């Protein structure tokens, strides 16, 4: 049995790994985009005011052969990693983060590491 990659967003108390039942079509259904290199990228706003208002972003990258997983939360530009769990003002972003992660768990893409 191969060891699944594990990733964790800065400040989150839970680590995640790829689900054993992960499927390519499930990734496309939830909004992952395939890159030129064949990897799968997920980039979503953590805004509670709408998807187009400037806010923190959740970025997830999965290797094309499902051997790698990277997760990060970034600033509005998407270039600098930030810890959304530090401040009380970012509580809405934390709730949106958990909503998106719960959806990925329900779709059999991610699993929390116990």
PDB file of N, CA and C in Angstrom:
ATOM      1  N   UNK A   1       0.843  -1.179   0.000  1.00  0.00           N
ATOM      2  CA  UNK A   1       0.000   0.000   0.000  1.00  0.00           C
ATOM      3  C   UNK A   1       0.888   1.242   0.000  1.00  0.00           C
ATOM      4  N   UNK A   2       0.647   2.148  -0.926  1.00  0.00           N
ATOM      5  CA  UNK A   2       1.452   3.360  -1.051  1.00  0.00           C
ATOM      6  C   UNK A   2       1.036   4.381   0.004  1.00  0.00           C
ATOM      7  N   UNK A   3       1.991   5.155   0.463  1.00  0.00           N
ATOM      8  CA  UNK A   3       1.710   6.220   1.417  1.00  0.00           C
ATOM      9  C   UNK A   3       1.140   7.412   0.658  1.00  0.00           C
ATOM     10  N   UNK A   4      -0.005   7.903   1.089  1.00  0.00           N
ATOM     11  CA  UNK A   4      -0.644   9.041   0.437  1.00  0.00           C
ATOM     12  C   UNK A   4      -0.002  10.331   0.935  1.00  0.00           C
ATOM     13  N   UNK A   5       0.136  11.319   0.058  1.00  0.00           N
ATOM     14  CA  UNK A   5       0.698  12.599   0.473  1.00  0.00           C
ATOM     15  C   UNK A   5      -0.234  13.318   1.448  1.00  0.00           C
ATOM     16  N   UNK A   6       0.344  14.081   2.345  1.00  0.00           N
ATOM     17  CA  UNK A   6      -0.415  14.811   3.357  1.00  0.00           C
ATOM     18  C   UNK A   6      -0.086  16.295   3.238  1.00  0.00           C
ATOM     19  N   UNK A   7      -1.099  17.153   3.373  1.00  0.00           N
ATOM     20  CA  UNK A   7      -0.901  18.600   3.311  1.00  0.00           C
ATOM     21  C   UNK A   7      -1.727  19.271   4.400  1.00  0.00           C
ATOM     22  N   UNK A   8      -1.283  20.467   4.766  1.00  0.00           N
ATOM     23  CA  UNK A   8      -1.950  21.220   5.816  1.00  0.00           C
ATOM     24  C   UNK A   8      -1.828  22.703   5.502  1.00  0.00           C
ATOM     25  N   UNK A   9      -2.913  23.446   5.678  1.00  0.00           N
ATOM     26  CA  UNK A   9      -2.900  24.889   5.499  1.00  0.00           C
ATOM     27  C   UNK A   9      -2.326  25.511   6.774  1.00  0.00           C
ATOM     28  N   UNK A  10      -1.502  26.524   6.616  1.00  0.00           N
ATOM     29  CA  UNK A  10      -0.892  27.206   7.765  1.00  0.00           C
ATOM     30  C   UNK A  10      -1.963  27.682   8.734  1.00  0.00           C
ATOM     31  N   UNK A  11      -1.839  27.255   9.983  1.00  0.00           N
ATOM     32  CA  UNK A  11      -2.774  27.644  11.027  1.00  0.00           C
ATOM     33  C   UNK A  11      -3.892  26.651  11.281  1.00  0.00           C
ATOM     34  N   UNK A  12      -4.173  25.775  10.337  1.00  0.00           N
ATOM     35  CA  UNK A  12      -5.233  24.779  10.512  1.00  0.00           C
ATOM     36  C   UNK A  12      -4.726  23.666  11.410  1.00  0.00           C
ATOM     37  N   UNK A  13      -5.586  23.147  12.253  1.00  0.00           N
ATOM     38  CA  UNK A  13      -5.183  22.066  13.155  1.00  0.00           C
ATOM     39  C   UNK A  13      -5.316  20.690  12.506  1.00  0.00           C
ATOM     40  N   UNK A  14      -5.939  20.628  11.334  1.00  0.00           N
ATOM     41  CA  UNK A  14      -6.189  19.355  10.659  1.00  0.00           C
ATOM     42  C   UNK A  14      -5.347  19.257   9.392  1.00  0.00           C
ATOM     43  N   UNK A  15      -4.730  18.095   9.203  1.00  0.00           N
ATOM     44  CA  UNK A  15      -4.026  17.799   7.953  1.00  0.00           C
ATOM     45  C   UNK A  15      -4.950  16.966   7.079  1.00  0.00           C
ATOM     46  N   UNK A  16      -4.714  17.019   5.774  1.00  0.00           N
ATOM     47  CA  UNK A  16      -5.551  16.285   4.831  1.00  0.00           C
ATOM     48  C   UNK A  16      -4.680  15.459   3.902  1.00  0.00           C
ATOM     49  N   UNK A  17      -5.262  14.369   3.412  1.00  0.00           N
ATOM     50  CA  UNK A  17      -4.596  13.535   2.420  1.00  0.00           C
ATOM     51  C   UNK A  17      -5.590  13.260   1.309  1.00  0.00           C
ATOM     52  N   UNK A  18      -5.082  12.783   0.185  1.00  0.00           N
ATOM     53  CA  UNK A  18      -5.964  12.423  -0.922  1.00  0.00           C
ATOM     54  C   UNK A  18      -6.739  11.171  -0.560  1.00  0.00           C
ATOM     55  N   UNK A  19      -7.991  11.145  -0.932  1.00  0.00           N
ATOM     56  CA  UNK A  19      -8.841   9.997  -0.675  1.00  0.00           C
ATOM     57  C   UNK A  19      -8.415   8.823  -1.556  1.00  0.00           C
ATOM     58  N   UNK A  20      -8.574   7.631  -1.044  1.00  0.00           N
ATOM     59  CA  UNK A  20      -8.241   6.436  -1.825  1.00  0.00           C
ATOM     60  C   UNK A  20      -9.170   6.291  -3.027  1.00  0.00           C
ATOM     61  N   UNK A  21     -10.360   6.868  -2.952  1.00  0.00           N
ATOM     62  CA  UNK A  21     -11.326   6.748  -4.034  1.00  0.00           C
ATOM     63  C   UNK A  21     -11.350   7.940  -4.977  1.00  0.00           C
ATOM     64  N   UNK A  22     -10.304   8.743  -4.989  1.00  0.00           N
ATOM     65  CA  UNK A  22     -10.273   9.950  -5.819  1.00  0.00           C
ATOM     66  C   UNK A  22     -10.356   9.600  -7.302  1.00  0.00           C
ATOM     67  N   UNK A  23     -11.149  10.387  -8.026  1.00  0.00           N
ATOM     68  CA  UNK A  23     -11.345  10.181  -9.467  1.00  0.00           C
ATOM     69  C   UNK A  23     -11.144  11.503 -10.188  1.00  0.00           C
ATOM     70  N   UNK A  24     -10.632  11.428 -11.398  1.00  0.00           N
ATOM     71  CA  UNK A  24     -10.367  12.613 -12.215  1.00  0.00           C
ATOM     72  C   UNK A  24     -11.643  13.405 -12.476  1.00  0.00           C
ATOM     73  N   UNK A  25     -12.720  12.716 -12.816  1.00  0.00           N
ATOM     74  CA  UNK A  25     -13.963  13.418 -13.137  1.00  0.00           C
ATOM     75  C   UNK A  25     -14.543  14.128 -11.917  1.00  0.00           C
ATOM     76  N   UNK A  26     -14.325  13.601 -10.720  1.00  0.00           N
ATOM     77  CA  UNK A  26     -14.798  14.260  -9.498  1.00  0.00           C
ATOM     78  C   UNK A  26     -14.063  15.585  -9.299  1.00  0.00           C
ATOM     79  N   UNK A  27     -12.769  15.597  -9.647  1.00  0.00           N
ATOM     80  CA  UNK A  27     -12.004  16.837  -9.549  1.00  0.00           C
ATOM     81  C   UNK A  27     -12.582  17.904 -10.467  1.00  0.00           C
ATOM     82  N   UNK A  28     -12.912  17.512 -11.685  1.00  0.00           N
ATOM     83  CA  UNK A  28     -13.470  18.459 -12.644  1.00  0.00           C
ATOM     84  C   UNK A  28     -14.857  18.946 -12.206  1.00  0.00           C
ATOM     85  N   UNK A  29     -15.635  18.065 -11.586  1.00  0.00           N
ATOM     86  CA  UNK A  29     -16.978  18.428 -11.128  1.00  0.00           C
ATOM     87  C   UNK A  29     -16.959  19.529 -10.065  1.00  0.00           C
ATOM     88  N   UNK A  30     -15.948  19.533  -9.190  1.00  0.00           N
ATOM     89  CA  UNK A  30     -15.900  20.526  -8.116  1.00  0.00           C
ATOM     90  C   UNK A  30     -15.130  21.778  -8.499  1.00  0.00           C
ATOM     91  N   UNK A  31     -14.541  21.817  -9.684  1.00  0.00           N
ATOM     92  CA  UNK A  31     -13.903  23.047 -10.142  1.00  0.00           C
ATOM     93  C   UNK A  31     -12.400  23.021 -10.297  1.00  0.00           C
ATOM     94  N   UNK A  32     -11.779  21.857 -10.204  1.00  0.00           N
ATOM     95  CA  UNK A  32     -10.345  21.780 -10.462  1.00  0.00           C
ATOM     96  C   UNK A  32     -10.112  21.999 -11.952  1.00  0.00           C
ATOM     97  N   UNK A  33      -9.031  22.664 -12.295  1.00  0.00           N
ATOM     98  CA  UNK A  33      -8.637  22.885 -13.685  1.00  0.00           C
ATOM     99  C   UNK A  33      -7.372  22.080 -13.954  1.00  0.00           C
ATOM    100  N   UNK A  34      -7.285  21.496 -15.114  1.00  0.00           N
ATOM    101  CA  UNK A  34      -6.085  20.751 -15.486  1.00  0.00           C
ATOM    102  C   UNK A  34      -5.059  21.720 -16.077  1.00  0.00           C
ATOM    103  N   UNK A  35      -3.829  21.678 -15.558  1.00  0.00           N
ATOM    104  CA  UNK A  35      -2.770  22.558 -16.052  1.00  0.00           C
ATOM    105  C   UNK A  35      -2.122  21.948 -17.286  1.00  0.00           C
ATOM    106  N   UNK A  36      -1.255  22.700 -17.933  1.00  0.00           N
ATOM    107  CA  UNK A  36      -0.541  22.176 -19.100  1.00  0.00           C
ATOM    108  C   UNK A  36       0.303  20.960 -18.760  1.00  0.00           C
ATOM    109  N   UNK A  37       0.816  20.924 -17.547  1.00  0.00           N
ATOM    110  CA  UNK A  37       1.635  19.790 -17.112  1.00  0.00           C
ATOM    111  C   UNK A  37       0.787  18.582 -16.717  1.00  0.00           C
ATOM    112  N   UNK A  38      -0.534  18.753 -16.677  1.00  0.00           N
ATOM    113  CA  UNK A  38      -1.420  17.644 -16.341  1.00  0.00           C
ATOM    114  C   UNK A  38      -1.837  17.600 -14.883  1.00  0.00           C
ATOM    115  N   UNK A  39      -1.323  18.511 -14.064  1.00  0.00           N
ATOM    116  CA  UNK A  39      -1.719  18.570 -12.656  1.00  0.00           C
ATOM    117  C   UNK A  39      -3.106  19.191 -12.540  1.00  0.00           C
ATOM    118  N   UNK A  40      -3.691  19.096 -11.373  1.00  0.00           N
ATOM    119  CA  UNK A  40      -5.029  19.627 -11.133  1.00  0.00           C
ATOM    120  C   UNK A  40      -4.930  20.765 -10.130  1.00  0.00           C
ATOM    121  N   UNK A  41      -5.525  21.921 -10.477  1.00  0.00           N
ATOM    122  CA  UNK A  41      -5.429  23.103  -9.643  1.00  0.00           C
ATOM    123  C   UNK A  41      -6.812  23.602  -9.262  1.00  0.00           C
ATOM    124  N   UNK A  42      -6.952  23.968  -7.989  1.00  0.00           N
ATOM    125  CA  UNK A  42      -8.206  24.475  -7.439  1.00  0.00           C
ATOM    126  C   UNK A  42      -7.898  25.834  -6.828  1.00  0.00           C
ATOM    127  N   UNK A  43      -8.624  26.866  -7.209  1.00  0.00           N
ATOM    128  CA  UNK A  43      -8.379  28.219  -6.732  1.00  0.00           C
ATOM    129  C   UNK A  43      -9.724  28.874  -6.468  1.00  0.00           C
ATOM    130  N   UNK A  44     -10.045  29.075  -5.181  1.00  0.00           N
ATOM    131  CA  UNK A  44     -11.347  29.628  -4.816  1.00  0.00           C
ATOM    132  C   UNK A  44     -11.194  30.795  -3.838  1.00  0.00           C
ATOM    133  N   UNK A  45     -12.087  31.752  -3.972  1.00  0.00           N
ATOM    134  CA  UNK A  45     -12.139  32.883  -3.061  1.00  0.00           C
ATOM    135  C   UNK A  45     -12.736  32.424  -1.732  1.00  0.00           C
ATOM    136  N   UNK A  46     -12.234  33.002  -0.648  1.00  0.00           N
ATOM    137  CA  UNK A  46     -12.778  32.708   0.676  1.00  0.00           C
ATOM    138  C   UNK A  46     -13.667  33.848   1.162  1.00  0.00           C
ATOM    139  N   UNK A  47     -14.191  34.621   0.226  1.00  0.00           N
ATOM    140  CA  UNK A  47     -15.045  35.754   0.554  1.00  0.00           C
ATOM    141  C   UNK A  47     -16.431  35.268   0.941  1.00  0.00           C
ATOM    142  N   UNK A  48     -17.014  35.902   1.949  1.00  0.00           N
ATOM    143  CA  UNK A  48     -18.387  35.594   2.337  1.00  0.00           C
ATOM    144  C   UNK A  48     -19.363  36.540   1.649  1.00  0.00           C
ATOM    145  N   UNK A  49     -18.829  37.536   0.917  1.00  0.00           N
ATOM    146  CA  UNK A  49     -19.664  38.535   0.258  1.00  0.00           C
ATOM    147  C   UNK A  49     -19.907  38.228  -1.215  1.00  0.00           C
ATOM    148  N   UNK A  50     -19.311  37.195  -1.735  1.00  0.00           N
ATOM    149  CA  UNK A  50     -19.492  36.832  -3.131  1.00  0.00           C
ATOM    150  C   UNK A  50     -18.167  36.406  -3.748  1.00  0.00           C
ATOM    151  N   UNK A  51     -18.227  35.644  -4.818  1.00  0.00           N
ATOM    152  CA  UNK A  51     -17.009  35.094  -5.397  1.00  0.00           C
ATOM    153  C   UNK A  51     -16.109  36.113  -6.081  1.00  0.00           C
ATOM    154  N   UNK A  52     -16.622  37.316  -6.348  1.00  0.00           N
ATOM    155  CA  UNK A  52     -15.837  38.302  -7.080  1.00  0.00           C
ATOM    156  C   UNK A  52     -15.302  39.433  -6.215  1.00  0.00           C
ATOM    157  N   UNK A  53     -15.629  39.445  -4.933  1.00  0.00           N
ATOM    158  CA  UNK A  53     -15.090  40.480  -4.066  1.00  0.00           C
ATOM    159  C   UNK A  53     -13.688  40.069  -3.600  1.00  0.00           C
ATOM    160  N   UNK A  54     -12.797  41.042  -3.454  1.00  0.00           N
ATOM    161  CA  UNK A  54     -11.418  40.720  -3.066  1.00  0.00           C
ATOM    162  C   UNK A  54     -11.376  40.067  -1.682  1.00  0.00           C
ATOM    163  N   UNK A  55     -10.682  38.970  -1.591  1.00  0.00           N
ATOM    164  CA  UNK A  55     -10.589  38.243  -0.328  1.00  0.00           C
ATOM    165  C   UNK A  55      -9.422  37.275  -0.391  1.00  0.00           C
ATOM    166  N   UNK A  56      -9.242  36.564   0.695  1.00  0.00           N
ATOM    167  CA  UNK A  56      -8.231  35.507   0.721  1.00  0.00           C
ATOM    168  C   UNK A  56      -8.638  34.412  -0.259  1.00  0.00           C
ATOM    169  N   UNK A  57      -7.674  33.580  -0.632  1.00  0.00           N
ATOM    170  CA  UNK A  57      -7.938  32.513  -1.602  1.00  0.00           C
ATOM    171  C   UNK A  57      -7.435  31.182  -1.052  1.00  0.00           C
ATOM    172  N   UNK A  58      -8.143  30.116  -1.399  1.00  0.00           N
ATOM    173  CA  UNK A  58      -7.706  28.757  -1.108  1.00  0.00           C
ATOM    174  C   UNK A  58      -7.173  28.174  -2.403  1.00  0.00           C
ATOM    175  N   UNK A  59      -5.928  27.685  -2.359  1.00  0.00           N
ATOM    176  CA  UNK A  59      -5.316  27.074  -3.534  1.00  0.00           C
ATOM    177  C   UNK A  59      -4.900  25.646  -3.184  1.00  0.00           C
ATOM    178  N   UNK A  60      -5.310  24.714  -4.036  1.00  0.00           N
ATOM    179  CA  UNK A  60      -4.963  23.309  -3.864  1.00  0.00           C
ATOM    180  C   UNK A  60      -4.415  22.807  -5.191  1.00  0.00           C
ATOM    181  N   UNK A  61      -3.297  22.106  -5.139  1.00  0.00           N
ATOM    182  CA  UNK A  61      -2.729  21.486  -6.334  1.00  0.00           C
ATOM    183  C   UNK A  61      -2.550  19.998  -6.068  1.00  0.00           C
ATOM    184  N   UNK A  62      -3.012  19.182  -7.021  1.00  0.00           N
ATOM    185  CA  UNK A  62      -2.878  17.730  -6.937  1.00  0.00           C
ATOM    186  C   UNK A  62      -2.080  17.268  -8.149  1.00  0.00           C
ATOM    187  N   UNK A  63      -1.062  16.448  -7.915  1.00  0.00           N
ATOM    188  CA  UNK A  63      -0.236  15.938  -9.003  1.00  0.00           C
ATOM    189  C   UNK A  63      -1.071  15.072  -9.938  1.00  0.00           C
ATOM    190  N   UNK A  64      -0.700  15.067 -11.216  1.00  0.00           N
ATOM    191  CA  UNK A  64      -1.480  14.350 -12.228  1.00  0.00           C
ATOM    192  C   UNK A  64      -1.616  12.860 -11.941  1.00  0.00           C
ATOM    193  N   UNK A  65      -0.621  12.273 -11.256  1.00  0.00           N
ATOM    194  CA  UNK A  65      -0.702  10.846 -10.919  1.00  0.00           C
ATOM    195  C   UNK A  65      -1.175  10.628  -9.475  1.00  0.00           C
ATOM    196  N   UNK A  66      -1.715  11.687  -8.866  1.00  0.00           N
ATOM    197  CA  UNK A  66      -2.231  11.668  -7.486  1.00  0.00           C
ATOM    198  C   UNK A  66      -1.148  11.329  -6.457  1.00  0.00           C
ATOM    199  N   UNK A  67       0.106  11.645  -6.762  1.00  0.00           N
ATOM    200  CA  UNK A  67       1.199  11.356  -5.835  1.00  0.00           C
ATOM    201  C   UNK A  67       1.575  12.559  -4.987  1.00  0.00           C
ATOM    202  N   UNK A  68       1.014  13.721  -5.253  1.00  0.00           N
ATOM    203  CA  UNK A  68       1.370  14.926  -4.508  1.00  0.00           C
ATOM    204  C   UNK A  68       0.164  15.792  -4.232  1.00  0.00           C
ATOM    205  N   UNK A  69       0.224  16.503  -3.103  1.00  0.00           N
ATOM    206  CA  UNK A  69      -0.860  17.378  -2.687  1.00  0.00           C
ATOM    207  C   UNK A  69      -0.258  18.610  -2.034  1.00  0.00           C
ATOM    208  N   UNK A  70      -0.699  19.795  -2.458  1.00  0.00           N
ATOM    209  CA  UNK A  70      -0.279  21.052  -1.845  1.00  0.00           C
ATOM    210  C   UNK A  70      -1.525  21.875  -1.559  1.00  0.00           C
ATOM    211  N   UNK A  71      -1.548  22.506  -0.378  1.00  0.00           N
ATOM    212  CA  UNK A  71      -2.664  23.352   0.006  1.00  0.00           C
ATOM    213  C   UNK A  71      -2.121  24.625   0.630  1.00  0.00           C
ATOM    214  N   UNK A  72      -2.736  25.764   0.298  1.00  0.00           N
ATOM    215  CA  UNK A  72      -2.332  27.028   0.907  1.00  0.00           C
ATOM    216  C   UNK A  72      -3.476  28.023   0.860  1.00  0.00           C
ATOM    217  N   UNK A  73      -3.462  28.965   1.795  1.00  0.00           N
ATOM    218  CA  UNK A  73      -4.352  30.112   1.733  1.00  0.00           C
ATOM    219  C   UNK A  73      -3.477  31.316   1.430  1.00  0.00           C
ATOM    220  N   UNK A  74      -3.940  32.168   0.525  1.00  0.00           N
ATOM    221  CA  UNK A  74      -3.129  33.295   0.080  1.00  0.00           C
ATOM    222  C   UNK A  74      -3.883  34.606   0.237  1.00  0.00           C
ATOM    223  N   UNK A  75      -3.143  35.695   0.025  1.00  0.00           N
ATOM    224  CA  UNK A  75      -3.764  37.017   0.020  1.00  0.00           C
ATOM    225  C   UNK A  75      -4.554  37.195  -1.279  1.00  0.00           C
ATOM    226  N   UNK A  76      -5.104  38.375  -1.480  1.00  0.00           N
ATOM    227  CA  UNK A  76      -5.947  38.649  -2.650  1.00  0.00           C
ATOM    228  C   UNK A  76      -5.203  38.388  -3.955  1.00  0.00           C
ATOM    229  N   UNK A  77      -3.913  38.737  -4.014  1.00  0.00           N
ATOM    230  CA  UNK A  77      -3.145  38.561  -5.249  1.00  0.00           C
ATOM    231  C   UNK A  77      -2.864  37.093  -5.551  1.00  0.00           C
ATOM    232  N   UNK A  78      -2.931  36.253  -4.539  1.00  0.00           N
ATOM    233  CA  UNK A  78      -2.644  34.837  -4.723  1.00  0.00           C
ATOM    234  C   UNK A  78      -1.162  34.511  -4.687  1.00  0.00           C
ATOM    235  N   UNK A  79      -0.340  35.490  -4.335  1.00  0.00           N
ATOM    236  CA  UNK A  79       1.107  35.298  -4.368  1.00  0.00           C
ATOM    237  C   UNK A  79       1.747  35.078  -3.003  1.00  0.00           C
ATOM    238  N   UNK A  80       1.094  35.532  -1.935  1.00  0.00           N
ATOM    239  CA  UNK A  80       1.695  35.436  -0.604  1.00  0.00           C
ATOM    240  C   UNK A  80       0.816  34.591   0.313  1.00  0.00           C
ATOM    241  N   UNK A  81       1.412  33.575   0.929  1.00  0.00           N
ATOM    242  CA  UNK A  81       0.670  32.712   1.853  1.00  0.00           C
ATOM    243  C   UNK A  81       0.317  33.493   3.118  1.00  0.00           C
ATOM    244  N   UNK A  82      -0.891  33.270   3.624  1.00  0.00           N
ATOM    245  CA  UNK A  82      -1.349  33.928   4.847  1.00  0.00           C
ATOM    246  C   UNK A  82      -1.999  32.906   5.778  1.00  0.00           C
ATOM    247  N   UNK A  83      -2.028  33.244   7.057  1.00  0.00           N
ATOM    248  CA  UNK A  83      -2.672  32.411   8.060  1.00  0.00           C
ATOM    249  C   UNK A  83      -4.017  33.048   8.401  1.00  0.00           C
ATOM    250  N   UNK A  84      -5.098  32.496   7.879  1.00  0.00           N
ATOM    251  CA  UNK A  84      -6.433  33.054   8.121  1.00  0.00           C
ATOM    252  C   UNK A  84      -6.972  32.683   9.498  1.00  0.00           C
ATOM    253  N   UNK A  85      -6.297  31.812  10.215  1.00  0.00           N
ATOM    254  CA  UNK A  85      -6.771  31.334  11.512  1.00  0.00           C
ATOM    255  C   UNK A  85      -6.296  32.210  12.668  1.00  0.00           C
ATOM    256  N   UNK A  86      -5.463  33.229  12.388  1.00  0.00           N
ATOM    257  CA  UNK A  86      -4.856  34.044  13.434  1.00  0.00           C
ATOM    258  C   UNK A  86      -5.764  35.128  13.994  1.00  0.00           C
ATOM    259  N   UNK A  87      -6.530  35.785  13.136  1.00  0.00           N
ATOM    260  CA  UNK A  87      -7.251  36.989  13.553  1.00  0.00           C
ATOM    261  C   UNK A  87      -8.758  36.775  13.586  1.00  0.00           C
ATOM    262  N   UNK A  88      -9.391  37.499  14.485  1.00  0.00           N
ATOM    263  CA  UNK A  88     -10.843  37.429  14.605  1.00  0.00           C
ATOM    264  C   UNK A  88     -11.541  38.000  13.366  1.00  0.00           C
ATOM    265  N   UNK A  89     -10.907  38.974  12.691  1.00  0.00           N
ATOM    266  CA  UNK A  89     -11.492  39.610  11.513  1.00  0.00           C
ATOM    267  C   UNK A  89     -11.623  38.644  10.333  1.00  0.00           C
ATOM    268  N   UNK A  90     -10.879  37.566  10.341  1.00  0.00           N
ATOM    269  CA  UNK A  90     -10.900  36.624   9.216  1.00  0.00           C
ATOM    270  C   UNK A  90     -11.800  35.416   9.496  1.00  0.00           C
ATOM    271  N   UNK A  91     -12.658  35.506  10.488  1.00  0.00           N
ATOM    272  CA  UNK A  91     -13.528  34.389  10.856  1.00  0.00           C
ATOM    273  C   UNK A  91     -14.429  33.958   9.700  1.00  0.00           C
ATOM    274  N   UNK A  92     -14.916  34.905   8.897  1.00  0.00           N
ATOM    275  CA  UNK A  92     -15.742  34.570   7.741  1.00  0.00           C
ATOM    276  C   UNK A  92     -14.970  33.749   6.723  1.00  0.00           C
ATOM    277  N   UNK A  93     -13.702  34.098   6.508  1.00  0.00           N
ATOM    278  CA  UNK A  93     -12.852  33.342   5.585  1.00  0.00           C
ATOM    279  C   UNK A  93     -12.608  31.930   6.105  1.00  0.00           C
ATOM    280  N   UNK A  94     -12.473  31.788   7.410  1.00  0.00           N
ATOM    281  CA  UNK A  94     -12.269  30.460   8.010  1.00  0.00           C
ATOM    282  C   UNK A  94     -13.514  29.595   7.795  1.00  0.00           C
ATOM    283  N   UNK A  95     -14.688  30.179   7.973  1.00  0.00           N
ATOM    284  CA  UNK A  95     -15.934  29.434   7.756  1.00  0.00           C
ATOM    285  C   UNK A  95     -16.061  29.003   6.296  1.00  0.00           C
ATOM    286  N   UNK A  96     -15.729  29.898   5.369  1.00  0.00           N
ATOM    287  CA  UNK A  96     -15.790  29.565   3.943  1.00  0.00           C
ATOM    288  C   UNK A  96     -14.766  28.479   3.612  1.00  0.00           C
ATOM    289  N   UNK A  97     -13.584  28.546   4.220  1.00  0.00           N
ATOM    290  CA  UNK A  97     -12.543  27.525   4.038  1.00  0.00           C
ATOM    291  C   UNK A  97     -13.080  26.154   4.447  1.00  0.00           C
ATOM    292  N   UNK A  98     -13.695  26.079   5.629  1.00  0.00           N
ATOM    293  CA  UNK A  98     -14.234  24.802   6.105  1.00  0.00           C
ATOM    294  C   UNK A  98     -15.375  24.306   5.217  1.00  0.00           C
ATOM    295  N   UNK A  99     -16.182  25.206   4.691  1.00  0.00           N
ATOM    296  CA  UNK A  99     -17.256  24.828   3.770  1.00  0.00           C
ATOM    297  C   UNK A  99     -16.673  24.176   2.516  1.00  0.00           C
ATOM    298  N   UNK A 100     -15.642  24.788   1.929  1.00  0.00           N
ATOM    299  CA  UNK A 100     -15.021  24.243   0.719  1.00  0.00           C
ATOM    300  C   UNK A 100     -14.349  22.899   0.996  1.00  0.00           C
ATOM    301  N   UNK A 101     -13.639  22.800   2.114  1.00  0.00           N
ATOM    302  CA  UNK A 101     -12.960  21.543   2.471  1.00  0.00           C
ATOM    303  C   UNK A 101     -13.989  20.440   2.719  1.00  0.00           C
ATOM    304  N   UNK A 102     -15.078  20.762   3.416  1.00  0.00           N
ATOM    305  CA  UNK A 102     -16.123  19.760   3.667  1.00  0.00           C
ATOM    306  C   UNK A 102     -16.713  19.240   2.356  1.00  0.00           C
ATOM    307  N   UNK A 103     -16.867  20.126   1.369  1.00  0.00           N
ATOM    308  CA  UNK A 103     -17.362  19.701   0.062  1.00  0.00           C
ATOM    309  C   UNK A 103     -16.379  18.729  -0.593  1.00  0.00           C
ATOM    310  N   UNK A 104     -15.087  18.993  -0.493  1.00  0.00           N
ATOM    311  CA  UNK A 104     -14.083  18.101  -1.079  1.00  0.00           C
ATOM    312  C   UNK A 104     -14.048  16.753  -0.354  1.00  0.00           C
ATOM    313  N   UNK A 105     -14.323  16.758   0.930  1.00  0.00           N
ATOM    314  CA  UNK A 105     -14.388  15.502   1.692  1.00  0.00           C
ATOM    315  C   UNK A 105     -15.618  14.699   1.264  1.00  0.00           C
ATOM    316  N   UNK A 106     -16.761  15.371   1.129  1.00  0.00           N
ATOM    317  CA  UNK A 106     -17.993  14.693   0.705  1.00  0.00           C
ATOM    318  C   UNK A 106     -17.853  14.088  -0.687  1.00  0.00           C
ATOM    319  N   UNK A 107     -17.089  14.726  -1.560  1.00  0.00           N
ATOM    320  CA  UNK A 107     -16.906  14.254  -2.932  1.00  0.00           C
ATOM    321  C   UNK A 107     -15.809  13.205  -3.050  1.00  0.00           C
ATOM    322  N   UNK A 108     -15.274  12.753  -1.923  1.00  0.00           N
ATOM    323  CA  UNK A 108     -14.262  11.687  -1.889  1.00  0.00           C
ATOM    324  C   UNK A 108     -12.960  12.118  -2.569  1.00  0.00           C
ATOM    325  N   UNK A 109     -12.585  13.388  -2.362  1.00  0.00           N
ATOM    326  CA  UNK A 109     -11.334  13.905  -2.913  1.00  0.00           C
ATOM    327  C   UNK A 109     -10.289  14.021  -1.801  1.00  0.00           C
ATOM    328  N   UNK A 110     -10.681  14.568  -0.657  1.00  0.00           N
ATOM    329  CA  UNK A 110      -9.784  14.693   0.496  1.00  0.00           C
ATOM    330  C   UNK A 110     -10.309  13.902   1.678  1.00  0.00           C
ATOM    331  N   UNK A 111      -9.394  13.544   2.568  1.00  0.00           N
ATOM    332  CA  UNK A 111      -9.746  12.900   3.843  1.00  0.00           C
ATOM    333  C   UNK A 111      -8.939  13.571   4.938  1.00  0.00           C
ATOM    334  N   UNK A 112      -9.550  13.825   6.098  1.00  0.00           N
ATOM    335  CA  UNK A 112      -8.758  14.330   7.210  1.00  0.00           C
ATOM    336  C   UNK A 112      -7.825  13.223   7.718  1.00  0.00           C
ATOM    337  N   UNK A 113      -6.642  13.612   8.144  1.00  0.00           N
ATOM    338  CA  UNK A 113      -5.680  12.650   8.693  1.00  0.00           C
ATOM    339  C   UNK A 113      -5.945  12.534  10.169  1.00  0.00           C
ATOM    340  N   UNK A 114      -6.097  11.318  10.614  1.00  0.00           N
ATOM    341  CA  UNK A 114      -6.399  11.084  12.038  1.00  0.00           C
ATOM    342  C   UNK A 114      -5.177  10.645  12.790  1.00  0.00           C
TER     343      UNK A 114
END
